Each structure stands twice: as C-alpha cells, then as structure tokens.
PDB file of N, CA and C in Angstrom:
ATOM      1  N   UNK A   1      32.849  -8.318 -38.919  1.00  0.00           N
ATOM      2  CA  UNK A   1      32.715  -9.282 -37.842  1.00  0.00           C
ATOM      3  C   UNK A   1      33.071  -8.651 -36.494  1.00  0.00           C
ATOM      4  N   UNK A   2      34.146  -7.815 -36.462  1.00  0.00           N
ATOM      5  CA  UNK A   2      34.529  -7.172 -35.210  1.00  0.00           C
ATOM      6  C   UNK A   2      33.437  -6.220 -34.722  1.00  0.00           C
ATOM      7  N   UNK A   3      32.805  -5.526 -35.641  1.00  0.00           N
ATOM      8  CA  UNK A   3      31.753  -4.588 -35.257  1.00  0.00           C
ATOM      9  C   UNK A   3      30.584  -5.334 -34.621  1.00  0.00           C
ATOM     10  N   UNK A   4      30.245  -6.477 -35.157  1.00  0.00           N
ATOM     11  CA  UNK A   4      29.154  -7.283 -34.618  1.00  0.00           C
ATOM     12  C   UNK A   4      29.504  -7.803 -33.215  1.00  0.00           C
ATOM     13  N   UNK A   5      30.745  -8.223 -33.041  1.00  0.00           N
ATOM     14  CA  UNK A   5      31.199  -8.697 -31.733  1.00  0.00           C
ATOM     15  C   UNK A   5      31.133  -7.570 -30.708  1.00  0.00           C
ATOM     16  N   UNK A   6      31.583  -6.383 -31.090  1.00  0.00           N
ATOM     17  CA  UNK A   6      31.531  -5.226 -30.200  1.00  0.00           C
ATOM     18  C   UNK A   6      30.094  -4.876 -29.830  1.00  0.00           C
ATOM     19  N   UNK A   7      29.213  -4.960 -30.800  1.00  0.00           N
ATOM     20  CA  UNK A   7      27.807  -4.653 -30.548  1.00  0.00           C
ATOM     21  C   UNK A   7      27.228  -5.601 -29.503  1.00  0.00           C
ATOM     22  N   UNK A   8      27.443  -6.899 -29.681  1.00  0.00           N
ATOM     23  CA  UNK A   8      26.907  -7.870 -28.734  1.00  0.00           C
ATOM     24  C   UNK A   8      27.570  -7.752 -27.357  1.00  0.00           C
ATOM     25  N   UNK A   9      28.847  -7.446 -27.326  1.00  0.00           N
ATOM     26  CA  UNK A   9      29.533  -7.245 -26.044  1.00  0.00           C
ATOM     27  C   UNK A   9      28.938  -6.043 -25.324  1.00  0.00           C
ATOM     28  N   UNK A  10      28.718  -4.952 -26.052  1.00  0.00           N
ATOM     29  CA  UNK A  10      28.115  -3.760 -25.457  1.00  0.00           C
ATOM     30  C   UNK A  10      26.718  -4.019 -24.945  1.00  0.00           C
ATOM     31  N   UNK A  11      25.923  -4.736 -25.717  1.00  0.00           N
ATOM     32  CA  UNK A  11      24.562  -5.062 -25.285  1.00  0.00           C
ATOM     33  C   UNK A  11      24.567  -5.962 -24.046  1.00  0.00           C
ATOM     34  N   UNK A  12      25.494  -6.892 -23.987  1.00  0.00           N
ATOM     35  CA  UNK A  12      25.585  -7.777 -22.823  1.00  0.00           C
ATOM     36  C   UNK A  12      25.957  -6.976 -21.576  1.00  0.00           C
ATOM     37  N   UNK A  13      26.861  -6.025 -21.723  1.00  0.00           N
ATOM     38  CA  UNK A  13      27.274  -5.207 -20.583  1.00  0.00           C
ATOM     39  C   UNK A  13      26.118  -4.338 -20.088  1.00  0.00           C
ATOM     40  N   UNK A  14      25.392  -3.735 -21.006  1.00  0.00           N
ATOM     41  CA  UNK A  14      24.253  -2.899 -20.626  1.00  0.00           C
ATOM     42  C   UNK A  14      23.189  -3.750 -19.937  1.00  0.00           C
ATOM     43  N   UNK A  15      22.951  -4.942 -20.442  1.00  0.00           N
ATOM     44  CA  UNK A  15      21.977  -5.839 -19.829  1.00  0.00           C
ATOM     45  C   UNK A  15      22.397  -6.260 -18.432  1.00  0.00           C
ATOM     46  N   UNK A  16      23.668  -6.521 -18.240  1.00  0.00           N
ATOM     47  CA  UNK A  16      24.164  -6.917 -16.918  1.00  0.00           C
ATOM     48  C   UNK A  16      24.025  -5.774 -15.920  1.00  0.00           C
ATOM     49  N   UNK A  17      24.308  -4.559 -16.334  1.00  0.00           N
ATOM     50  CA  UNK A  17      24.166  -3.410 -15.445  1.00  0.00           C
ATOM     51  C   UNK A  17      22.712  -3.197 -15.067  1.00  0.00           C
ATOM     52  N   UNK A  18      21.834  -3.317 -16.019  1.00  0.00           N
ATOM     53  CA  UNK A  18      20.406  -3.149 -15.742  1.00  0.00           C
ATOM     54  C   UNK A  18      19.876  -4.225 -14.823  1.00  0.00           C
ATOM     55  N   UNK A  19      20.343  -5.440 -14.981  1.00  0.00           N
ATOM     56  CA  UNK A  19      19.883  -6.545 -14.139  1.00  0.00           C
ATOM     57  C   UNK A  19      20.340  -6.363 -12.703  1.00  0.00           C
ATOM     58  N   UNK A  20      21.553  -5.891 -12.501  1.00  0.00           N
ATOM     59  CA  UNK A  20      22.032  -5.725 -11.127  1.00  0.00           C
ATOM     60  C   UNK A  20      21.264  -4.618 -10.422  1.00  0.00           C
ATOM     61  N   UNK A  21      20.902  -3.574 -11.118  1.00  0.00           N
ATOM     62  CA  UNK A  21      20.124  -2.495 -10.510  1.00  0.00           C
ATOM     63  C   UNK A  21      18.717  -2.977 -10.164  1.00  0.00           C
ATOM     64  N   UNK A  22      18.164  -3.853 -10.979  1.00  0.00           N
ATOM     65  CA  UNK A  22      16.816  -4.345 -10.740  1.00  0.00           C
ATOM     66  C   UNK A  22      16.767  -5.258  -9.515  1.00  0.00           C
ATOM     67  N   UNK A  23      17.865  -5.928  -9.187  1.00  0.00           N
ATOM     68  CA  UNK A  23      17.885  -6.854  -8.066  1.00  0.00           C
ATOM     69  C   UNK A  23      18.266  -6.190  -6.748  1.00  0.00           C
ATOM     70  N   UNK A  24      18.695  -4.944  -6.776  1.00  0.00           N
ATOM     71  CA  UNK A  24      19.096  -4.267  -5.543  1.00  0.00           C
ATOM     72  C   UNK A  24      17.896  -4.100  -4.626  1.00  0.00           C
ATOM     73  N   UNK A  25      18.107  -4.385  -3.327  1.00  0.00           N
ATOM     74  CA  UNK A  25      17.036  -4.222  -2.341  1.00  0.00           C
ATOM     75  C   UNK A  25      16.818  -2.743  -2.052  1.00  0.00           C
ATOM     76  N   UNK A  26      15.594  -2.421  -1.720  1.00  0.00           N
ATOM     77  CA  UNK A  26      15.226  -1.055  -1.365  1.00  0.00           C
ATOM     78  C   UNK A  26      14.540  -1.094   0.002  1.00  0.00           C
ATOM     79  N   UNK A  27      14.665  -0.022   0.784  1.00  0.00           N
ATOM     80  CA  UNK A  27      13.928   0.015   2.053  1.00  0.00           C
ATOM     81  C   UNK A  27      12.431  -0.155   1.810  1.00  0.00           C
ATOM     82  N   UNK A  28      11.783  -0.906   2.681  1.00  0.00           N
ATOM     83  CA  UNK A  28      10.354  -1.135   2.549  1.00  0.00           C
ATOM     84  C   UNK A  28       9.543   0.116   2.849  1.00  0.00           C
ATOM     85  N   UNK A  29       8.381   0.211   2.262  1.00  0.00           N
ATOM     86  CA  UNK A  29       7.503   1.370   2.474  1.00  0.00           C
ATOM     87  C   UNK A  29       7.071   1.480   3.932  1.00  0.00           C
ATOM     88  N   UNK A  30       7.064   0.357   4.649  1.00  0.00           N
ATOM     89  CA  UNK A  30       6.627   0.359   6.055  1.00  0.00           C
ATOM     90  C   UNK A  30       7.798   0.492   7.043  1.00  0.00           C
ATOM     91  N   UNK A  31       9.012   0.696   6.551  1.00  0.00           N
ATOM     92  CA  UNK A  31      10.163   0.840   7.440  1.00  0.00           C
ATOM     93  C   UNK A  31      10.067   2.152   8.192  1.00  0.00           C
ATOM     94  N   UNK A  32      10.183   2.100   9.499  1.00  0.00           N
ATOM     95  CA  UNK A  32      10.094   3.298  10.337  1.00  0.00           C
ATOM     96  C   UNK A  32      11.462   3.887  10.645  1.00  0.00           C
ATOM     97  N   UNK A  33      12.527   3.107  10.406  1.00  0.00           N
ATOM     98  CA  UNK A  33      13.885   3.525  10.735  1.00  0.00           C
ATOM     99  C   UNK A  33      14.644   3.827   9.440  1.00  0.00           C
ATOM    100  N   UNK A  34      15.075   5.067   9.297  1.00  0.00           N
ATOM    101  CA  UNK A  34      15.842   5.472   8.116  1.00  0.00           C
ATOM    102  C   UNK A  34      17.292   5.002   8.257  1.00  0.00           C
ATOM    103  N   UNK A  35      18.044   5.113   7.194  1.00  0.00           N
ATOM    104  CA  UNK A  35      19.459   4.762   7.222  1.00  0.00           C
ATOM    105  C   UNK A  35      20.189   5.601   8.275  1.00  0.00           C
ATOM    106  N   UNK A  36      19.893   6.891   8.341  1.00  0.00           N
ATOM    107  CA  UNK A  36      20.533   7.766   9.327  1.00  0.00           C
ATOM    108  C   UNK A  36      20.189   7.350  10.757  1.00  0.00           C
ATOM    109  N   UNK A  37      18.945   6.954  10.982  1.00  0.00           N
ATOM    110  CA  UNK A  37      18.540   6.503  12.314  1.00  0.00           C
ATOM    111  C   UNK A  37      19.220   5.186  12.682  1.00  0.00           C
ATOM    112  N   UNK A  38      19.380   4.292  11.695  1.00  0.00           N
ATOM    113  CA  UNK A  38      20.082   3.030  11.938  1.00  0.00           C
ATOM    114  C   UNK A  38      21.539   3.309  12.307  1.00  0.00           C
ATOM    115  N   UNK A  39      22.168   4.247  11.613  1.00  0.00           N
ATOM    116  CA  UNK A  39      23.553   4.616  11.920  1.00  0.00           C
ATOM    117  C   UNK A  39      23.650   5.201  13.323  1.00  0.00           C
ATOM    118  N   UNK A  40      22.676   5.994  13.731  1.00  0.00           N
ATOM    119  CA  UNK A  40      22.677   6.569  15.081  1.00  0.00           C
ATOM    120  C   UNK A  40      22.583   5.462  16.133  1.00  0.00           C
ATOM    121  N   UNK A  41      21.765   4.446  15.895  1.00  0.00           N
ATOM    122  CA  UNK A  41      21.661   3.311  16.810  1.00  0.00           C
ATOM    123  C   UNK A  41      22.994   2.575  16.923  1.00  0.00           C
ATOM    124  N   UNK A  42      23.651   2.413  15.778  1.00  0.00           N
ATOM    125  CA  UNK A  42      24.937   1.717  15.766  1.00  0.00           C
ATOM    126  C   UNK A  42      25.999   2.504  16.527  1.00  0.00           C
ATOM    127  N   UNK A  43      26.027   3.808  16.332  1.00  0.00           N
ATOM    128  CA  UNK A  43      27.014   4.643  17.040  1.00  0.00           C
ATOM    129  C   UNK A  43      26.747   4.635  18.539  1.00  0.00           C
ATOM    130  N   UNK A  44      25.473   4.617  18.930  1.00  0.00           N
ATOM    131  CA  UNK A  44      25.126   4.543  20.345  1.00  0.00           C
ATOM    132  C   UNK A  44      25.555   3.200  20.949  1.00  0.00           C
ATOM    133  N   UNK A  45      25.664   2.169  20.110  1.00  0.00           N
ATOM    134  CA  UNK A  45      26.064   0.838  20.567  1.00  0.00           C
ATOM    135  C   UNK A  45      27.576   0.634  20.499  1.00  0.00           C
ATOM    136  N   UNK A  46      28.320   1.678  20.166  1.00  0.00           N
ATOM    137  CA  UNK A  46      29.773   1.573  20.203  1.00  0.00           C
ATOM    138  C   UNK A  46      30.488   1.543  18.867  1.00  0.00           C
ATOM    139  N   UNK A  47      29.754   1.639  17.769  1.00  0.00           N
ATOM    140  CA  UNK A  47      30.413   1.696  16.465  1.00  0.00           C
ATOM    141  C   UNK A  47      31.040   3.081  16.291  1.00  0.00           C
ATOM    142  N   UNK A  48      32.309   3.099  15.929  1.00  0.00           N
ATOM    143  CA  UNK A  48      33.001   4.366  15.716  1.00  0.00           C
ATOM    144  C   UNK A  48      33.044   4.742  14.244  1.00  0.00           C
ATOM    145  N   UNK A  49      32.860   3.751  13.380  1.00  0.00           N
ATOM    146  CA  UNK A  49      32.888   3.993  11.942  1.00  0.00           C
ATOM    147  C   UNK A  49      31.961   2.998  11.251  1.00  0.00           C
ATOM    148  N   UNK A  50      31.103   3.501  10.381  1.00  0.00           N
ATOM    149  CA  UNK A  50      30.226   2.657   9.570  1.00  0.00           C
ATOM    150  C   UNK A  50      30.806   2.692   8.155  1.00  0.00           C
ATOM    151  N   UNK A  51      31.274   1.550   7.668  1.00  0.00           N
ATOM    152  CA  UNK A  51      31.896   1.524   6.346  1.00  0.00           C
ATOM    153  C   UNK A  51      30.926   1.122   5.244  1.00  0.00           C
ATOM    154  N   UNK A  52      29.829   0.455   5.621  1.00  0.00           N
ATOM    155  CA  UNK A  52      28.834   0.035   4.622  1.00  0.00           C
ATOM    156  C   UNK A  52      27.509  -0.154   5.333  1.00  0.00           C
ATOM    157  N   UNK A  53      26.451   0.378   4.736  1.00  0.00           N
ATOM    158  CA  UNK A  53      25.102   0.124   5.248  1.00  0.00           C
ATOM    159  C   UNK A  53      24.142   0.187   4.070  1.00  0.00           C
ATOM    160  N   UNK A  54      23.278  -0.845   3.963  1.00  0.00           N
ATOM    161  CA  UNK A  54      22.332  -0.916   2.852  1.00  0.00           C
ATOM    162  C   UNK A  54      21.120  -1.739   3.254  1.00  0.00           C
ATOM    163  N   UNK A  55      20.053  -1.544   2.528  1.00  0.00           N
ATOM    164  CA  UNK A  55      18.857  -2.360   2.722  1.00  0.00           C
ATOM    165  C   UNK A  55      19.109  -3.719   2.074  1.00  0.00           C
ATOM    166  N   UNK A  56      18.857  -4.789   2.847  1.00  0.00           N
ATOM    167  CA  UNK A  56      19.073  -6.127   2.311  1.00  0.00           C
ATOM    168  C   UNK A  56      18.228  -7.138   3.077  1.00  0.00           C
ATOM    169  N   UNK A  57      17.452  -7.907   2.360  1.00  0.00           N
ATOM    170  CA  UNK A  57      16.657  -8.991   2.952  1.00  0.00           C
ATOM    171  C   UNK A  57      15.785  -8.541   4.119  1.00  0.00           C
ATOM    172  N   UNK A  58      15.196  -7.370   4.021  1.00  0.00           N
ATOM    173  CA  UNK A  58      14.242  -6.919   5.019  1.00  0.00           C
ATOM    174  C   UNK A  58      14.831  -6.253   6.245  1.00  0.00           C
ATOM    175  N   UNK A  59      16.095  -5.833   6.182  1.00  0.00           N
ATOM    176  CA  UNK A  59      16.706  -5.128   7.307  1.00  0.00           C
ATOM    177  C   UNK A  59      17.858  -4.261   6.790  1.00  0.00           C
ATOM    178  N   UNK A  60      18.364  -3.393   7.651  1.00  0.00           N
ATOM    179  CA  UNK A  60      19.584  -2.653   7.342  1.00  0.00           C
ATOM    180  C   UNK A  60      20.757  -3.577   7.651  1.00  0.00           C
ATOM    181  N   UNK A  61      21.703  -3.652   6.734  1.00  0.00           N
ATOM    182  CA  UNK A  61      22.829  -4.570   6.879  1.00  0.00           C
ATOM    183  C   UNK A  61      24.099  -3.828   6.508  1.00  0.00           C
ATOM    184  N   UNK A  62      25.187  -4.172   7.186  1.00  0.00           N
ATOM    185  CA  UNK A  62      26.433  -3.535   6.815  1.00  0.00           C
ATOM    186  C   UNK A  62      27.603  -3.958   7.653  1.00  0.00           C
ATOM    187  N   UNK A  63      28.643  -3.124   7.581  1.00  0.00           N
ATOM    188  CA  UNK A  63      29.893  -3.382   8.279  1.00  0.00           C
ATOM    189  C   UNK A  63      30.367  -2.096   8.920  1.00  0.00           C
ATOM    190  N   UNK A  64      31.100  -2.256   9.991  1.00  0.00           N
ATOM    191  CA  UNK A  64      31.664  -1.097  10.656  1.00  0.00           C
ATOM    192  C   UNK A  64      32.754  -1.504  11.618  1.00  0.00           C
ATOM    193  N   UNK A  65      33.290  -0.502  12.292  1.00  0.00           N
ATOM    194  CA  UNK A  65      34.364  -0.725  13.229  1.00  0.00           C
ATOM    195  C   UNK A  65      33.966  -0.168  14.589  1.00  0.00           C
ATOM    196  N   UNK A  66      34.387  -0.871  15.627  1.00  0.00           N
ATOM    197  CA  UNK A  66      34.136  -0.420  16.995  1.00  0.00           C
ATOM    198  C   UNK A  66      35.437   0.127  17.585  1.00  0.00           C
ATOM    199  N   UNK A  67      35.339   0.640  18.812  1.00  0.00           N
ATOM    200  CA  UNK A  67      36.490   1.243  19.483  1.00  0.00           C
ATOM    201  C   UNK A  67      37.646   0.262  19.659  1.00  0.00           C
ATOM    202  N   UNK A  68      37.352  -1.044  19.638  1.00  0.00           N
ATOM    203  CA  UNK A  68      38.420  -2.039  19.786  1.00  0.00           C
ATOM    204  C   UNK A  68      39.253  -2.187  18.509  1.00  0.00           C
ATOM    205  N   UNK A  69      38.856  -1.460  17.454  1.00  0.00           N
ATOM    206  CA  UNK A  69      39.595  -1.506  16.192  1.00  0.00           C
ATOM    207  C   UNK A  69      39.254  -2.693  15.318  1.00  0.00           C
ATOM    208  N   UNK A  70      38.304  -3.518  15.741  1.00  0.00           N
ATOM    209  CA  UNK A  70      37.911  -4.703  14.982  1.00  0.00           C
ATOM    210  C   UNK A  70      36.730  -4.385  14.066  1.00  0.00           C
ATOM    211  N   UNK A  71      36.659  -5.140  12.977  1.00  0.00           N
ATOM    212  CA  UNK A  71      35.587  -4.978  11.996  1.00  0.00           C
ATOM    213  C   UNK A  71      34.421  -5.893  12.385  1.00  0.00           C
ATOM    214  N   UNK A  72      33.196  -5.358  12.307  1.00  0.00           N
ATOM    215  CA  UNK A  72      31.993  -6.101  12.678  1.00  0.00           C
ATOM    216  C   UNK A  72      30.969  -6.052  11.550  1.00  0.00           C
ATOM    217  N   UNK A  73      30.140  -7.088  11.483  1.00  0.00           N
ATOM    218  CA  UNK A  73      28.971  -7.119  10.600  1.00  0.00           C
ATOM    219  C   UNK A  73      27.749  -6.889  11.477  1.00  0.00           C
ATOM    220  N   UNK A  74      26.767  -6.170  10.927  1.00  0.00           N
ATOM    221  CA  UNK A  74      25.567  -5.894  11.719  1.00  0.00           C
ATOM    222  C   UNK A  74      24.313  -5.971  10.864  1.00  0.00           C
ATOM    223  N   UNK A  75      23.194  -6.170  11.548  1.00  0.00           N
ATOM    224  CA  UNK A  75      21.849  -6.050  10.980  1.00  0.00           C
ATOM    225  C   UNK A  75      21.066  -5.175  11.944  1.00  0.00           C
ATOM    226  N   UNK A  76      20.288  -4.253  11.408  1.00  0.00           N
ATOM    227  CA  UNK A  76      19.445  -3.391  12.224  1.00  0.00           C
ATOM    228  C   UNK A  76      17.999  -3.583  11.790  1.00  0.00           C
ATOM    229  N   UNK A  77      17.133  -3.815  12.764  1.00  0.00           N
ATOM    230  CA  UNK A  77      15.706  -3.994  12.495  1.00  0.00           C
ATOM    231  C   UNK A  77      15.139  -2.671  11.975  1.00  0.00           C
ATOM    232  N   UNK A  78      14.472  -2.681  10.806  1.00  0.00           N
ATOM    233  CA  UNK A  78      13.972  -1.450  10.208  1.00  0.00           C
ATOM    234  C   UNK A  78      12.710  -0.894  10.860  1.00  0.00           C
ATOM    235  N   UNK A  79      12.153  -1.642  11.816  1.00  0.00           N
ATOM    236  CA  UNK A  79      10.934  -1.184  12.488  1.00  0.00           C
ATOM    237  C   UNK A  79      11.222  -0.640  13.885  1.00  0.00           C
ATOM    238  N   UNK A  80      12.200  -1.257  14.570  1.00  0.00           N
ATOM    239  CA  UNK A  80      12.493  -0.843  15.947  1.00  0.00           C
ATOM    240  C   UNK A  80      13.821  -0.096  16.085  1.00  0.00           C
ATOM    241  N   UNK A  81      14.727  -0.276  15.130  1.00  0.00           N
ATOM    242  CA  UNK A  81      16.051   0.324  15.229  1.00  0.00           C
ATOM    243  C   UNK A  81      17.007  -0.480  16.084  1.00  0.00           C
ATOM    244  N   UNK A  82      16.564  -1.632  16.588  1.00  0.00           N
ATOM    245  CA  UNK A  82      17.420  -2.479  17.413  1.00  0.00           C
ATOM    246  C   UNK A  82      18.417  -3.231  16.544  1.00  0.00           C
ATOM    247  N   UNK A  83      19.611  -3.422  17.083  1.00  0.00           N
ATOM    248  CA  UNK A  83      20.630  -4.207  16.388  1.00  0.00           C
ATOM    249  C   UNK A  83      20.307  -5.674  16.630  1.00  0.00           C
ATOM    250  N   UNK A  84      20.040  -6.405  15.553  1.00  0.00           N
ATOM    251  CA  UNK A  84      19.634  -7.810  15.669  1.00  0.00           C
ATOM    252  C   UNK A  84      20.770  -8.765  15.323  1.00  0.00           C
ATOM    253  N   UNK A  85      21.864  -8.253  14.781  1.00  0.00           N
ATOM    254  CA  UNK A  85      23.070  -9.038  14.551  1.00  0.00           C
ATOM    255  C   UNK A  85      24.247  -8.116  14.776  1.00  0.00           C
ATOM    256  N   UNK A  86      25.238  -8.608  15.507  1.00  0.00           N
ATOM    257  CA  UNK A  86      26.422  -7.825  15.818  1.00  0.00           C
ATOM    258  C   UNK A  86      27.555  -8.814  16.024  1.00  0.00           C
ATOM    259  N   UNK A  87      28.238  -9.159  14.921  1.00  0.00           N
ATOM    260  CA  UNK A  87      29.271 -10.196  14.981  1.00  0.00           C
ATOM    261  C   UNK A  87      30.580  -9.684  14.406  1.00  0.00           C
ATOM    262  N   UNK A  88      31.674 -10.134  15.003  1.00  0.00           N
ATOM    263  CA  UNK A  88      32.977  -9.786  14.490  1.00  0.00           C
ATOM    264  C   UNK A  88      33.149 -10.416  13.106  1.00  0.00           C
ATOM    265  N   UNK A  89      33.664  -9.639  12.170  1.00  0.00           N
ATOM    266  CA  UNK A  89      33.881 -10.086  10.800  1.00  0.00           C
ATOM    267  C   UNK A  89      35.268 -10.699  10.708  1.00  0.00           C
ATOM    268  N   UNK A  90      35.317 -11.970  10.331  1.00  0.00           N
ATOM    269  CA  UNK A  90      36.613 -12.661  10.252  1.00  0.00           C
ATOM    270  C   UNK A  90      37.149 -12.614   8.860  1.00  0.00           C
TER     271      UNK A  90
END
C-alpha cells in the first residue's frame, strides 16, 4: 500500500511540474525588444537593480529598485521598449 501511495504522489508531483512549465509565458515571436534591451531601458529610467524580469501577459514584467531605495513594479512594452507601468511596490 505504501509503494502505491508513493507512486501516485510521485506522479502527481511530476504532473504539477510539467503543468507549471506549460503555462509559463514566453516572449512573442514579434517582440522587437529583448530582455536585455528592456533592462537597459529600465536602467536609463533610473532603476539601479532589476530583481525580476519575465515575459508575462504580452509584455516584460518585473520588479526592481531605484536610487531612492524603494522597490518598484514595472511593465515594458515589447515592441517599443517604453516603460508602460512604473509603480512603487507596497
């Protein structure tokens, strides 16, 4: 009985890992702005540290810190490189 329980637990874990990878967003084929270019735009706008950046819901999204020492959330347009959201993270 324990072996059967372990088997099903292992299968459930493998299935959960596979499902999360399948749902992860990827940069669109038509995106003109790479992750590195998005980071360069953010640094030019005053970000001193980028702690997270990923493709999500059709844009680059993440978190970082500015010279004021505060944490901010941002969105970067993947076609123009413009920052379309720049809000302090509470």
